[in-house]
Amino acid sequence: RPDATQGAAAAGGGGNPIMQGLNQGIRNALPGSSLRPPQPRPVHWPKALEIPDDIDTETDIPQAFICSISQEIMREPALVTVSGHSYDREQLFTWHANGSGKDPLTQQPFLLSDVAPNLALRNMIESWIQERKSRRQHTE
């Protein structure tokens, strides 16, 4: 049974040839190796929501559905993953292309690869629109 001083050597592979080989392999693979950071996956963006004109004028639109850039209902909610804020995709990409490169609310720098569809928010907006359409059909 190894004592405390032998334990440290054993943890680093000390006298164990298998561990020594594994540790050496790891050390050799990391600096300048062919191991590359993972490439970003292609992002699937669902079709933009169609917002009926009469809904845009309603006063009871939940604030979470409003894009901070355009002040309109988001058609393609896009999440800036580094800040946690969502904006309409088209508005955000235009904002980024115009040279800002920073989150409109937090001023935190981000890349377009840091943007993903906010599917949960999109589903909430879509359900809210359907509910409004259904209410109108019942009142007509």
Protein backbone atom coordinates (compact mmCIF):
# COMPACT_ATOMS: atom_id res chain seq x y z
CA ARG A 1 0.00 0.00 0.00
CA PRO A 2 1.58 3.35 -1.04
CA ASP A 3 2.26 6.00 1.58
CA ALA A 4 1.44 9.73 1.03
CA THR A 5 4.62 10.43 -0.95
CA GLN A 6 4.08 7.43 -3.19
CA GLY A 7 0.43 8.42 -3.68
CA ALA A 8 1.41 11.64 -5.42
CA ALA A 9 3.72 9.77 -7.78
CA ALA A 10 1.08 7.16 -8.40
CA ALA A 11 -1.53 9.81 -9.22
CA GLY A 12 0.73 11.19 -11.94
CA GLY A 13 1.39 7.77 -13.32
CA GLY A 14 4.52 7.27 -11.14
CA GLY A 15 5.45 3.61 -11.51
CA ASN A 16 2.43 2.51 -13.50
CA PRO A 17 3.46 2.15 -17.16
CA ILE A 18 -0.13 2.36 -18.39
CA MET A 19 -0.73 5.65 -16.55
CA GLN A 20 2.65 6.98 -17.69
CA GLY A 21 1.77 6.24 -21.30
CA LEU A 22 -1.67 7.76 -20.95
CA ASN A 23 -0.32 10.93 -19.34
CA GLN A 24 2.43 11.22 -21.97
CA GLY A 25 -0.15 10.74 -24.73
CA ILE A 26 -2.30 13.51 -23.31
CA ARG A 27 0.67 15.86 -22.97
CA ASN A 28 1.76 15.12 -26.54
CA ALA A 29 -1.73 15.58 -27.96
CA LEU A 30 -2.50 18.98 -26.50
CA PRO A 31 0.20 21.47 -27.56
CA GLY A 32 -0.06 22.11 -31.29
CA SER A 33 -1.95 18.88 -31.82
CA SER A 34 -4.51 17.97 -34.40
CA LEU A 35 -7.15 18.20 -31.69
CA ARG A 36 -9.20 21.23 -32.64
CA PRO A 37 -11.97 22.99 -30.82
CA PRO A 38 -15.37 21.80 -31.97
CA GLN A 39 -16.78 23.64 -34.98
CA PRO A 40 -20.10 25.42 -34.43
CA ARG A 41 -23.05 23.35 -35.52
CA PRO A 42 -25.30 24.72 -38.24
CA VAL A 43 -28.30 26.38 -36.64
CA HIS A 44 -31.82 25.62 -37.87
CA TRP A 45 -34.03 28.70 -37.76
CA PRO A 46 -37.75 28.02 -37.95
CA LYS A 47 -39.83 30.06 -40.35
CA ALA A 48 -40.59 33.56 -39.09
CA LEU A 49 -43.92 33.99 -37.35
CA GLU A 50 -46.65 35.79 -39.22
CA ILE A 51 -48.01 38.53 -37.02
CA PRO A 52 -51.49 39.74 -38.04
CA ASP A 53 -51.61 43.52 -38.45
CA ASP A 54 -54.41 43.97 -35.95
CA ILE A 55 -52.38 42.26 -33.19
CA ASP A 56 -49.51 44.75 -33.51
CA THR A 57 -51.80 47.54 -32.28
CA GLU A 58 -53.00 45.77 -29.15
CA THR A 59 -51.97 47.22 -25.83
CA ASP A 60 -51.84 43.94 -23.90
CA ILE A 61 -48.80 42.48 -25.66
CA PRO A 62 -46.52 40.84 -23.08
CA GLN A 63 -43.30 42.86 -22.78
CA ALA A 64 -41.21 39.69 -23.19
CA PHE A 65 -42.53 39.40 -26.78
CA ILE A 66 -41.25 42.86 -27.75
CA CYS A 67 -37.83 43.28 -29.36
CA SER A 68 -35.78 45.92 -27.52
CA ILE A 69 -34.30 47.09 -30.82
CA SER A 70 -37.42 47.46 -33.00
CA GLN A 71 -40.05 47.79 -30.24
CA GLU A 72 -42.20 45.31 -32.20
CA ILE A 73 -43.30 41.72 -31.61
CA MET A 74 -40.45 39.34 -32.38
CA ARG A 75 -41.06 37.22 -35.48
CA GLU A 76 -37.88 35.19 -35.03
CA PRO A 77 -36.80 35.38 -31.39
CA ALA A 78 -33.01 35.09 -31.26
CA LEU A 79 -31.17 34.43 -28.00
CA VAL A 80 -27.75 35.98 -27.44
CA THR A 81 -26.33 33.13 -25.38
CA VAL A 82 -23.59 35.19 -23.71
CA SER A 83 -26.09 37.67 -22.24
CA GLY A 84 -29.34 35.70 -22.06
CA HIS A 85 -31.32 38.42 -23.87
CA SER A 86 -33.57 37.82 -26.87
CA TYR A 87 -34.20 40.07 -29.85
CA ASP A 88 -35.79 39.69 -33.25
CA ARG A 89 -33.25 37.86 -35.41
CA GLU A 90 -33.34 40.28 -38.34
CA GLN A 91 -32.99 43.30 -36.06
CA LEU A 92 -30.14 41.71 -34.10
CA PHE A 93 -28.19 40.67 -37.19
CA THR A 94 -28.59 44.18 -38.65
CA TRP A 95 -27.44 45.66 -35.33
CA HIS A 96 -24.39 43.38 -35.38
CA ALA A 97 -23.63 44.06 -39.07
CA ASN A 98 -23.68 47.82 -38.46
CA GLY A 99 -20.53 47.41 -36.40
CA SER A 100 -21.78 47.18 -32.85
CA GLY A 101 -20.92 43.54 -32.11
CA LYS A 102 -22.30 44.11 -28.61
CA ASP A 103 -25.55 43.10 -26.98
CA PRO A 104 -27.92 46.10 -27.24
CA LEU A 105 -28.92 45.91 -23.56
CA THR A 106 -25.76 44.75 -21.77
CA GLN A 107 -23.08 46.00 -24.21
CA GLN A 108 -21.47 42.56 -23.82
CA PRO A 109 -19.52 41.58 -26.97
CA PHE A 110 -20.90 38.62 -28.91
CA LEU A 111 -20.36 36.74 -32.16
CA LEU A 112 -23.11 35.61 -34.50
CA SER A 113 -22.18 32.07 -33.49
CA ASP A 114 -23.36 33.07 -29.97
CA VAL A 115 -26.91 33.53 -31.31
CA ALA A 116 -29.49 30.74 -31.32
CA PRO A 117 -33.23 30.53 -31.94
CA ASN A 118 -35.24 31.04 -28.76
CA LEU A 119 -37.74 28.28 -29.46
CA ALA A 120 -39.49 28.54 -26.09
CA LEU A 121 -40.18 32.24 -26.60
CA ARG A 122 -41.23 31.61 -30.20
CA ASN A 123 -43.74 28.98 -29.02
CA MET A 124 -45.14 31.36 -26.39
CA ILE A 125 -45.59 34.13 -28.98
CA GLU A 126 -47.20 31.69 -31.42
CA SER A 127 -49.62 30.42 -28.74
CA TRP A 128 -50.49 33.98 -27.74
CA ILE A 129 -51.26 34.88 -31.38
CA GLN A 130 -53.45 31.78 -31.79
CA GLU A 131 -55.31 32.63 -28.59
CA ARG A 132 -55.98 36.17 -29.87
CA LYS A 133 -57.20 34.83 -33.23
CA SER A 134 -59.47 32.35 -31.48
CA ARG A 135 -60.97 35.07 -29.25
CA ARG A 136 -61.69 37.26 -32.28
CA GLN A 137 -63.41 34.41 -34.09
CA HIS A 138 -65.67 33.79 -31.08
CA THR A 139 -66.64 37.44 -30.75
CA GLU A 140 -67.47 37.92 -34.44
